[in-house]
C-alpha atoms as a PDB file:
ATOM      1  CA  MET A   1      -2.662 -19.023  20.170  1.00  0.00           C
ATOM      2  CA  GLU A   2      -2.053 -16.021  17.896  1.00  0.00           C
ATOM      3  CA  GLN A   3       0.331 -16.680  15.033  1.00  0.00           C
ATOM      4  CA  LYS A   4       3.448 -14.501  15.058  1.00  0.00           C
ATOM      5  CA  PRO A   5       4.092 -12.480  11.883  1.00  0.00           C
ATOM      6  CA  PHE A   6       6.726 -13.771   9.491  1.00  0.00           C
ATOM      7  CA  HIS A   7       8.425 -10.353   9.502  1.00  0.00           C
ATOM      8  CA  VAL A   8       8.165  -7.586  12.065  1.00  0.00           C
ATOM      9  CA  LEU A   9       7.802  -4.576   9.815  1.00  0.00           C
ATOM     10  CA  ARG A  10       8.077  -0.887  10.624  1.00  0.00           C
ATOM     11  CA  LEU A  11       6.278   1.861   8.729  1.00  0.00           C
ATOM     12  CA  GLU A  12       8.255   5.113   8.627  1.00  0.00           C
ATOM     13  CA  PRO A  13       7.164   8.379   6.997  1.00  0.00           C
ATOM     14  CA  ILE A  14       9.075   9.283   3.866  1.00  0.00           C
ATOM     15  CA  ASP A  15      11.054  12.449   4.542  1.00  0.00           C
ATOM     16  CA  SER A  16      14.258  14.118   3.379  1.00  0.00           C
ATOM     17  CA  LYS A  17      16.351  11.422   5.113  1.00  0.00           C
ATOM     18  CA  ASN A  18      14.893   8.414   3.303  1.00  0.00           C
ATOM     19  CA  ARG A  19      13.275   9.891   0.197  1.00  0.00           C
ATOM     20  CA  GLN A  20      16.152   9.196  -2.182  1.00  0.00           C
ATOM     21  CA  GLU A  21      16.455   5.585  -0.990  1.00  0.00           C
ATOM     22  CA  ALA A  22      12.685   5.121  -1.377  1.00  0.00           C
ATOM     23  CA  GLU A  23      12.768   6.520  -4.915  1.00  0.00           C
ATOM     24  CA  HIS A  24      15.136   3.683  -5.870  1.00  0.00           C
ATOM     25  CA  LEU A  25      12.584   0.981  -4.970  1.00  0.00           C
ATOM     26  CA  ALA A  26      11.340  -0.777  -8.080  1.00  0.00           C
ATOM     27  CA  VAL A  27       9.118  -3.621  -9.210  1.00  0.00           C
ATOM     28  CA  PHE A  28       9.742  -6.114 -12.016  1.00  0.00           C
ATOM     29  CA  SER A  29       9.170  -4.715 -15.522  1.00  0.00           C
ATOM     30  CA  GLU A  30       6.032  -6.844 -15.998  1.00  0.00           C
ATOM     31  CA  GLN A  31       4.560  -5.192 -12.861  1.00  0.00           C
ATOM     32  CA  SER A  32       5.381  -1.604 -13.826  1.00  0.00           C
ATOM     33  CA  GLY A  33       1.970  -0.991 -15.412  1.00  0.00           C
ATOM     34  CA  PHE A  34       0.226  -1.771 -12.124  1.00  0.00           C
ATOM     35  CA  ILE A  35       1.714   1.062 -10.051  1.00  0.00           C
ATOM     36  CA  GLU A  36       3.419   4.406 -10.494  1.00  0.00           C
ATOM     37  CA  SER A  37       7.076   4.761  -9.555  1.00  0.00           C
ATOM     38  CA  VAL A  38       7.821   5.830  -5.999  1.00  0.00           C
ATOM     39  CA  ALA A  39       9.117   9.158  -7.349  1.00  0.00           C
ATOM     40  CA  GLU A  40       5.760   9.769  -9.068  1.00  0.00           C
ATOM     41  CA  CYS A  41       3.871   8.811  -5.892  1.00  0.00           C
ATOM     42  CA  LEU A  42       5.967  11.200  -3.826  1.00  0.00           C
ATOM     43  CA  GLN A  43       5.400  14.035  -6.291  1.00  0.00           C
ATOM     44  CA  GLU A  44       1.675  13.418  -5.902  1.00  0.00           C
ATOM     45  CA  ALA A  45       2.021  13.450  -2.106  1.00  0.00           C
ATOM     46  CA  ASP A  46       4.001  16.720  -2.324  1.00  0.00           C
ATOM     47  CA  GLN A  47       1.048  18.273  -4.154  1.00  0.00           C
ATOM     48  CA  LEU A  48      -1.715  16.874  -1.930  1.00  0.00           C
ATOM     49  CA  ALA A  49      -1.077  16.870   1.813  1.00  0.00           C
ATOM     50  CA  LEU A  50      -3.817  14.281   2.434  1.00  0.00           C
ATOM     51  CA  TRP A  51      -1.458  11.534   1.213  1.00  0.00           C
ATOM     52  CA  ARG A  52       0.767   9.769   3.748  1.00  0.00           C
ATOM     53  CA  PRO A  53       3.737   8.069   2.050  1.00  0.00           C
ATOM     54  CA  VAL A  54       5.609   5.523   4.176  1.00  0.00           C
ATOM     55  CA  GLY A  55       8.611   3.293   3.793  1.00  0.00           C
ATOM     56  CA  ILE A  56       8.198  -0.346   4.767  1.00  0.00           C
ATOM     57  CA  TYR A  57      11.194  -1.526   6.788  1.00  0.00           C
ATOM     58  CA  ASP A  58      12.389  -4.909   7.979  1.00  0.00           C
ATOM     59  CA  GLY A  59      14.813  -3.777  10.659  1.00  0.00           C
ATOM     60  CA  SER A  60      16.921  -1.104   8.990  1.00  0.00           C
ATOM     61  CA  THR A  61      16.286  -2.434   5.465  1.00  0.00           C
ATOM     62  CA  LEU A  62      13.803  -0.575   3.265  1.00  0.00           C
ATOM     63  CA  VAL A  63      11.855  -3.323   1.500  1.00  0.00           C
ATOM     64  CA  GLY A  64       8.830  -1.438   0.206  1.00  0.00           C
ATOM     65  CA  PHE A  65       6.652   1.635  -0.053  1.00  0.00           C
ATOM     66  CA  ALA A  66       3.014   2.478   0.581  1.00  0.00           C
ATOM     67  CA  MET A  67       0.842   5.554   0.417  1.00  0.00           C
ATOM     68  CA  TYR A  68      -2.513   6.074   2.095  1.00  0.00           C
ATOM     69  CA  GLY A  69      -4.855   8.909   2.924  1.00  0.00           C
ATOM     70  CA  TYR A  70      -8.294   9.888   4.149  1.00  0.00           C
ATOM     71  CA  PHE A  71     -10.447  12.037   1.915  1.00  0.00           C
ATOM     72  CA  PRO A  72     -13.152  13.927   3.865  1.00  0.00           C
ATOM     73  CA  ALA A  73     -15.276  14.269   0.743  1.00  0.00           C
ATOM     74  CA  PRO A  74     -16.515  11.586   0.038  1.00  0.00           C
ATOM     75  CA  GLY A  75     -15.351  10.297   3.454  1.00  0.00           C
ATOM     76  CA  GLN A  76     -13.117   7.484   2.229  1.00  0.00           C
ATOM     77  CA  LEU A  77      -9.876   6.005   3.539  1.00  0.00           C
ATOM     78  CA  TRP A  78      -7.611   4.751   0.747  1.00  0.00           C
ATOM     79  CA  LEU A  79      -4.637   2.420   0.755  1.00  0.00           C
ATOM     80  CA  ASP A  80      -3.658   3.798  -2.588  1.00  0.00           C
ATOM     81  CA  ARG A  81      -0.178   2.476  -3.277  1.00  0.00           C
ATOM     82  CA  LEU A  82       1.769  -0.547  -2.147  1.00  0.00           C
ATOM     83  CA  LEU A  83       4.906  -2.027  -3.574  1.00  0.00           C
ATOM     84  CA  ILE A  84       7.566  -4.395  -2.387  1.00  0.00           C
ATOM     85  CA  ASP A  85      10.925  -3.925  -4.077  1.00  0.00           C
ATOM     86  CA  LYS A  86      11.691  -6.624  -6.629  1.00  0.00           C
ATOM     87  CA  ALA A  87      14.683  -7.781  -4.553  1.00  0.00           C
ATOM     88  CA  TYR A  88      12.355  -8.656  -1.643  1.00  0.00           C
ATOM     89  CA  GLN A  89       9.300 -10.073  -3.419  1.00  0.00           C
ATOM     90  CA  GLY A  90       8.242 -13.646  -2.732  1.00  0.00           C
ATOM     91  CA  ARG A  91       9.304 -13.547   0.922  1.00  0.00           C
ATOM     92  CA  GLY A  92       5.989 -12.716   2.601  1.00  0.00           C
ATOM     93  CA  TYR A  93       6.577  -8.983   2.852  1.00  0.00           C
ATOM     94  CA  GLY A  94       3.449  -8.042   0.888  1.00  0.00           C
ATOM     95  CA  ARG A  95       1.093  -9.836   3.272  1.00  0.00           C
ATOM     96  CA  GLU A  96       2.834  -8.504   6.376  1.00  0.00           C
ATOM     97  CA  ALA A  97       2.944  -4.982   4.951  1.00  0.00           C
ATOM     98  CA  ILE A  98      -0.808  -5.011   4.274  1.00  0.00           C
ATOM     99  CA  LEU A  99      -1.525  -6.262   7.800  1.00  0.00           C
ATOM    100  CA  ALA A 100       0.785  -3.602   9.310  1.00  0.00           C
ATOM    101  CA  LEU A 101      -0.868  -0.917   7.191  1.00  0.00           C
ATOM    102  CA  LEU A 102      -4.366  -2.037   8.217  1.00  0.00           C
ATOM    103  CA  ASP A 103      -3.301  -1.864  11.885  1.00  0.00           C
ATOM    104  CA  ARG A 104      -1.977   1.646  11.335  1.00  0.00           C
ATOM    105  CA  LEU A 105      -5.080   2.793   9.462  1.00  0.00           C
ATOM    106  CA  ARG A 106      -7.373   1.356  12.127  1.00  0.00           C
ATOM    107  CA  GLY A 107      -5.488   3.313  14.788  1.00  0.00           C
ATOM    108  CA  GLU A 108      -5.016   6.529  12.846  1.00  0.00           C
ATOM    109  CA  TYR A 109      -8.476   7.028  11.367  1.00  0.00           C
ATOM    110  CA  ASP A 110     -12.055   6.612  12.485  1.00  0.00           C
ATOM    111  CA  SER A 111     -13.192   4.895   9.316  1.00  0.00           C
ATOM    112  CA  PRO A 112     -14.978   1.545   9.138  1.00  0.00           C
ATOM    113  CA  VAL A 113     -13.761   0.777   5.591  1.00  0.00           C
ATOM    114  CA  VAL A 114     -10.474   0.914   3.675  1.00  0.00           C
ATOM    115  CA  TYR A 115     -10.546   1.153  -0.116  1.00  0.00           C
ATOM    116  CA  LEU A 116      -7.950   0.258  -2.716  1.00  0.00           C
ATOM    117  CA  SER A 117      -8.010  -0.200  -6.454  1.00  0.00           C
ATOM    118  CA  VAL A 118      -6.378  -2.865  -8.566  1.00  0.00           C
ATOM    119  CA  TYR A 119      -6.075  -3.730 -12.237  1.00  0.00           C
ATOM    120  CA  PRO A 120      -7.908  -6.961 -13.106  1.00  0.00           C
ATOM    121  CA  GLU A 121      -4.702  -8.316 -14.703  1.00  0.00           C
ATOM    122  CA  ASN A 122      -2.886  -8.098 -11.357  1.00  0.00           C
ATOM    123  CA  ALA A 123      -4.055 -11.556 -10.291  1.00  0.00           C
ATOM    124  CA  HIS A 124      -1.339 -12.066  -7.671  1.00  0.00           C
ATOM    125  CA  ALA A 125      -2.269  -8.857  -5.820  1.00  0.00           C
ATOM    126  CA  ILE A 126      -5.987  -9.601  -6.065  1.00  0.00           C
ATOM    127  CA  ARG A 127      -5.489 -13.059  -4.571  1.00  0.00           C
ATOM    128  CA  LEU A 128      -3.435 -11.615  -1.701  1.00  0.00           C
ATOM    129  CA  TYR A 129      -5.942  -8.852  -0.969  1.00  0.00           C
ATOM    130  CA  GLN A 130      -8.810 -11.371  -1.007  1.00  0.00           C
ATOM    131  CA  GLN A 131      -6.954 -13.709   1.377  1.00  0.00           C
ATOM    132  CA  ILE A 132      -6.628 -10.808   3.819  1.00  0.00           C
ATOM    133  CA  GLY A 133     -10.321  -9.933   3.556  1.00  0.00           C
ATOM    134  CA  PHE A 134     -10.674  -7.298   0.825  1.00  0.00           C
ATOM    135  CA  ARG A 135     -13.710  -7.729  -1.424  1.00  0.00           C
ATOM    136  CA  PHE A 136     -14.665  -6.175  -4.762  1.00  0.00           C
ATOM    137  CA  ASN A 137     -17.502  -3.669  -4.406  1.00  0.00           C
ATOM    138  CA  GLY A 138     -18.457  -3.530  -8.107  1.00  0.00           C
ATOM    139  CA  LYS A 139     -17.140   0.024  -8.612  1.00  0.00           C
ATOM    140  CA  TYR A 140     -14.204   1.414 -10.591  1.00  0.00           C
ATOM    141  CA  ASP A 141     -11.830   4.305 -10.018  1.00  0.00           C
ATOM    142  CA  THR A 142     -11.058   7.087 -12.508  1.00  0.00           C
ATOM    143  CA  LYS A 143      -8.382   4.924 -14.210  1.00  0.00           C
ATOM    144  CA  GLY A 144     -10.721   1.970 -14.663  1.00  0.00           C
ATOM    145  CA  GLU A 145      -9.240  -0.086 -11.829  1.00  0.00           C
ATOM    146  CA  SER A 146     -11.604  -2.292  -9.832  1.00  0.00           C
ATOM    147  CA  ILE A 147     -12.223  -1.034  -6.302  1.00  0.00           C
ATOM    148  CA  MET A 148     -11.886  -3.386  -3.368  1.00  0.00           C
ATOM    149  CA  GLU A 149     -12.826  -2.658   0.241  1.00  0.00           C
ATOM    150  CA  TYR A 150     -11.917  -4.014   3.644  1.00  0.00           C
ATOM    151  CA  ALA A 151     -14.292  -3.548   6.577  1.00  0.00           C
ATOM    152  CA  PHE A 152     -12.797  -3.313  10.059  1.00  0.00           C
END
């Protein structure tokens, strides 16, 4: 019997209706070096249309943010940003958000692999990604973060 998710999450594009609310999402100060602010992510998405920023909702409550995109050259699908607001951390949202995002990416793109990068000091995130099935591939991104991949 398939286990039911802890939360039924919705992924909604960030647009003019929810952008300001999304920009108020924040992580704990000790996590701030691991990810850019949502405002910075959205500025990046404004400049590069390949990025798809989404709000992560539990019902009508915005609990997190993610950004993903497919880059034709070199042919890679990236789950580039993921954060759960500090008010909602520790409740299982991170795991459910990753699973919902993987479902979306599998349906939206014809790519056998999803990439993400993570700082080695972000042990909690690494453990979560590994539990879901991401594995280090021995490569690093332009900021020196370790690259992990998930094969569908």
